[in-house]
N, C-alpha and C. Protein backbone atom coordinates (compact mmCIF):
# COMPACT_ATOMS: atom_id res chain seq x y z
N MET A 1 -7.23 85.44 71.73
CA MET A 1 -6.24 84.89 70.85
C MET A 1 -6.74 85.06 69.42
N ARG A 2 -5.82 85.20 68.50
CA ARG A 2 -6.15 85.34 67.08
C ARG A 2 -5.97 84.00 66.35
N VAL A 3 -6.67 83.85 65.23
CA VAL A 3 -6.46 82.68 64.37
C VAL A 3 -4.99 82.67 63.95
N GLY A 4 -4.34 81.54 64.13
CA GLY A 4 -2.92 81.39 63.81
C GLY A 4 -2.00 81.75 64.96
N GLY A 5 -2.53 82.39 65.99
CA GLY A 5 -1.72 82.75 67.16
C GLY A 5 -1.54 81.59 68.10
N THR A 6 -0.54 81.69 68.97
CA THR A 6 -0.29 80.64 69.97
C THR A 6 -0.14 81.24 71.35
N LYS A 7 -0.48 80.47 72.33
CA LYS A 7 -0.30 80.81 73.74
C LYS A 7 0.29 79.59 74.44
N ILE A 8 1.10 79.84 75.44
CA ILE A 8 1.67 78.76 76.26
C ILE A 8 1.02 78.82 77.63
N LEU A 9 0.55 77.68 78.10
CA LEU A 9 -0.05 77.55 79.42
C LEU A 9 0.78 76.55 80.21
N LYS A 10 1.14 76.92 81.44
CA LYS A 10 1.90 76.00 82.30
C LYS A 10 0.93 75.35 83.28
N ALA A 11 1.02 74.05 83.38
CA ALA A 11 0.15 73.29 84.27
C ALA A 11 0.99 72.18 84.91
N ASN A 12 1.79 72.55 85.89
CA ASN A 12 2.64 71.58 86.57
C ASN A 12 1.79 70.51 87.25
N GLY A 13 2.17 69.28 87.09
CA GLY A 13 1.41 68.17 87.67
C GLY A 13 0.26 67.70 86.81
N MET A 14 0.15 68.24 85.58
CA MET A 14 -0.94 67.86 84.69
C MET A 14 -0.85 66.37 84.36
N ASN A 15 -1.99 65.70 84.42
CA ASN A 15 -1.98 64.29 84.03
C ASN A 15 -3.01 63.96 82.96
N ARG A 16 -3.85 64.96 82.61
CA ARG A 16 -4.87 64.73 81.58
C ARG A 16 -5.44 66.08 81.16
N LEU A 17 -5.92 66.15 79.90
CA LEU A 17 -6.61 67.36 79.46
C LEU A 17 -7.65 67.00 78.44
N ALA A 18 -8.60 67.91 78.25
CA ALA A 18 -9.67 67.71 77.27
C ALA A 18 -10.01 69.06 76.66
N ILE A 19 -10.24 69.07 75.36
CA ILE A 19 -10.64 70.28 74.65
C ILE A 19 -12.06 70.07 74.13
N GLY A 20 -12.89 71.08 74.28
CA GLY A 20 -14.29 70.96 73.84
C GLY A 20 -14.43 70.83 72.34
N ASP A 21 -13.78 71.72 71.57
CA ASP A 21 -13.91 71.71 70.12
C ASP A 21 -12.53 71.83 69.47
N PRO A 22 -11.95 70.74 69.03
CA PRO A 22 -10.61 70.78 68.42
C PRO A 22 -10.58 71.47 67.06
N GLU A 23 -11.74 71.85 66.52
CA GLU A 23 -11.77 72.63 65.28
C GLU A 23 -11.39 74.09 65.54
N ILE A 24 -11.56 74.55 66.77
CA ILE A 24 -11.30 75.95 67.12
C ILE A 24 -9.86 76.15 67.58
N VAL A 25 -9.35 75.25 68.40
CA VAL A 25 -7.96 75.35 68.85
C VAL A 25 -7.25 74.01 68.71
N GLY A 26 -5.98 74.08 68.45
CA GLY A 26 -5.13 72.90 68.44
C GLY A 26 -4.34 72.87 69.74
N ILE A 27 -4.13 71.70 70.27
CA ILE A 27 -3.40 71.53 71.52
C ILE A 27 -2.19 70.65 71.28
N ASP A 28 -1.04 71.08 71.81
CA ASP A 28 0.18 70.29 71.75
C ASP A 28 0.80 70.33 73.14
N VAL A 29 1.40 69.22 73.56
CA VAL A 29 2.07 69.16 74.86
C VAL A 29 3.53 68.83 74.59
N PRO A 30 4.35 69.87 74.30
CA PRO A 30 5.74 69.62 73.93
C PRO A 30 6.62 69.17 75.10
N ASP A 31 6.20 69.45 76.32
CA ASP A 31 6.98 69.09 77.50
C ASP A 31 6.01 68.90 78.66
N ASN A 32 6.40 68.14 79.64
CA ASN A 32 5.55 67.87 80.80
C ASN A 32 5.18 69.18 81.49
N GLY A 33 3.90 69.43 81.62
CA GLY A 33 3.42 70.63 82.29
C GLY A 33 3.32 71.84 81.40
N VAL A 34 3.59 71.70 80.10
CA VAL A 34 3.50 72.82 79.16
C VAL A 34 2.44 72.48 78.11
N ILE A 35 1.49 73.39 77.92
CA ILE A 35 0.44 73.20 76.92
C ILE A 35 0.56 74.33 75.91
N LYS A 36 0.72 73.99 74.65
CA LYS A 36 0.78 74.98 73.57
C LYS A 36 -0.59 75.01 72.90
N ILE A 37 -1.23 76.18 72.90
CA ILE A 37 -2.58 76.35 72.35
C ILE A 37 -2.46 77.20 71.09
N THR A 38 -3.00 76.71 69.98
CA THR A 38 -2.95 77.42 68.69
C THR A 38 -4.36 77.67 68.19
N GLY A 39 -4.65 78.92 67.85
CA GLY A 39 -5.96 79.27 67.30
C GLY A 39 -6.10 78.76 65.87
N LYS A 40 -7.13 77.97 65.60
CA LYS A 40 -7.34 77.40 64.26
C LYS A 40 -8.44 78.12 63.49
N GLN A 41 -9.53 78.46 64.17
CA GLN A 41 -10.62 79.20 63.52
C GLN A 41 -11.38 79.97 64.60
N ALA A 42 -12.11 81.00 64.19
CA ALA A 42 -12.84 81.84 65.14
C ALA A 42 -13.91 81.04 65.87
N GLY A 43 -14.05 81.30 67.16
CA GLY A 43 -15.06 80.66 67.97
C GLY A 43 -14.64 80.59 69.43
N GLU A 44 -15.43 79.87 70.22
CA GLU A 44 -15.16 79.68 71.65
C GLU A 44 -15.21 78.20 71.97
N THR A 45 -14.36 77.80 72.92
CA THR A 45 -14.38 76.43 73.40
C THR A 45 -13.82 76.41 74.81
N MET A 46 -13.85 75.26 75.44
CA MET A 46 -13.31 75.09 76.79
C MET A 46 -12.14 74.12 76.77
N LEU A 47 -11.19 74.39 77.65
CA LEU A 47 -10.07 73.49 77.91
C LEU A 47 -10.14 73.11 79.38
N VAL A 48 -10.13 71.82 79.67
CA VAL A 48 -10.13 71.34 81.05
C VAL A 48 -8.84 70.57 81.27
N VAL A 49 -8.15 70.92 82.37
CA VAL A 49 -6.88 70.29 82.70
C VAL A 49 -7.00 69.66 84.08
N TRP A 50 -6.64 68.39 84.18
CA TRP A 50 -6.61 67.69 85.46
C TRP A 50 -5.19 67.78 86.00
N VAL A 51 -5.07 68.26 87.23
CA VAL A 51 -3.77 68.42 87.87
C VAL A 51 -3.77 67.60 89.16
N GLY A 52 -2.73 66.82 89.33
CA GLY A 52 -2.66 65.99 90.53
C GLY A 52 -3.76 64.95 90.55
N ASP A 53 -4.22 64.61 91.75
CA ASP A 53 -5.23 63.56 91.90
C ASP A 53 -6.65 64.03 91.66
N SER A 54 -6.97 65.29 92.00
CA SER A 54 -8.37 65.68 91.92
C SER A 54 -8.63 67.12 91.48
N GLU A 55 -7.61 67.92 91.26
CA GLU A 55 -7.83 69.32 90.91
C GLU A 55 -8.14 69.48 89.43
N LEU A 56 -9.19 70.24 89.14
CA LEU A 56 -9.56 70.57 87.76
C LEU A 56 -9.33 72.06 87.54
N GLN A 57 -8.79 72.39 86.37
CA GLN A 57 -8.64 73.78 85.97
C GLN A 57 -9.36 73.92 84.64
N ALA A 58 -10.30 74.85 84.55
CA ALA A 58 -11.08 75.05 83.32
C ALA A 58 -10.75 76.42 82.75
N TYR A 59 -10.58 76.47 81.43
CA TYR A 59 -10.24 77.70 80.73
C TYR A 59 -11.20 77.91 79.58
N ARG A 60 -11.74 79.10 79.47
CA ARG A 60 -12.57 79.47 78.31
C ARG A 60 -11.62 80.07 77.29
N LEU A 61 -11.60 79.48 76.10
CA LEU A 61 -10.71 79.93 75.04
C LEU A 61 -11.53 80.61 73.94
N VAL A 62 -11.13 81.82 73.58
CA VAL A 62 -11.82 82.59 72.54
C VAL A 62 -10.81 82.88 71.44
N VAL A 63 -11.15 82.50 70.22
CA VAL A 63 -10.31 82.76 69.05
C VAL A 63 -11.05 83.72 68.13
N GLN A 64 -10.35 84.78 67.72
CA GLN A 64 -10.94 85.79 66.85
C GLN A 64 -10.19 85.85 65.54
N ASP A 65 -10.90 86.28 64.48
CA ASP A 65 -10.25 86.47 63.17
C ASP A 65 -9.23 87.57 63.24
């Protein structure tokens, strides 16, 4: 992803999420199960999404200039 770019991630059943470094990406949840990810500055971070009762989904996010 590029700085200023956005990606949409679908996570049906999502009940919680966590971002490692909010300085690198911005997270918005405009609708249930939809995560909008925006690149803020170059770097790498992790996004963890809890789905249902016990499933974890982890994503490595890379933002480039």
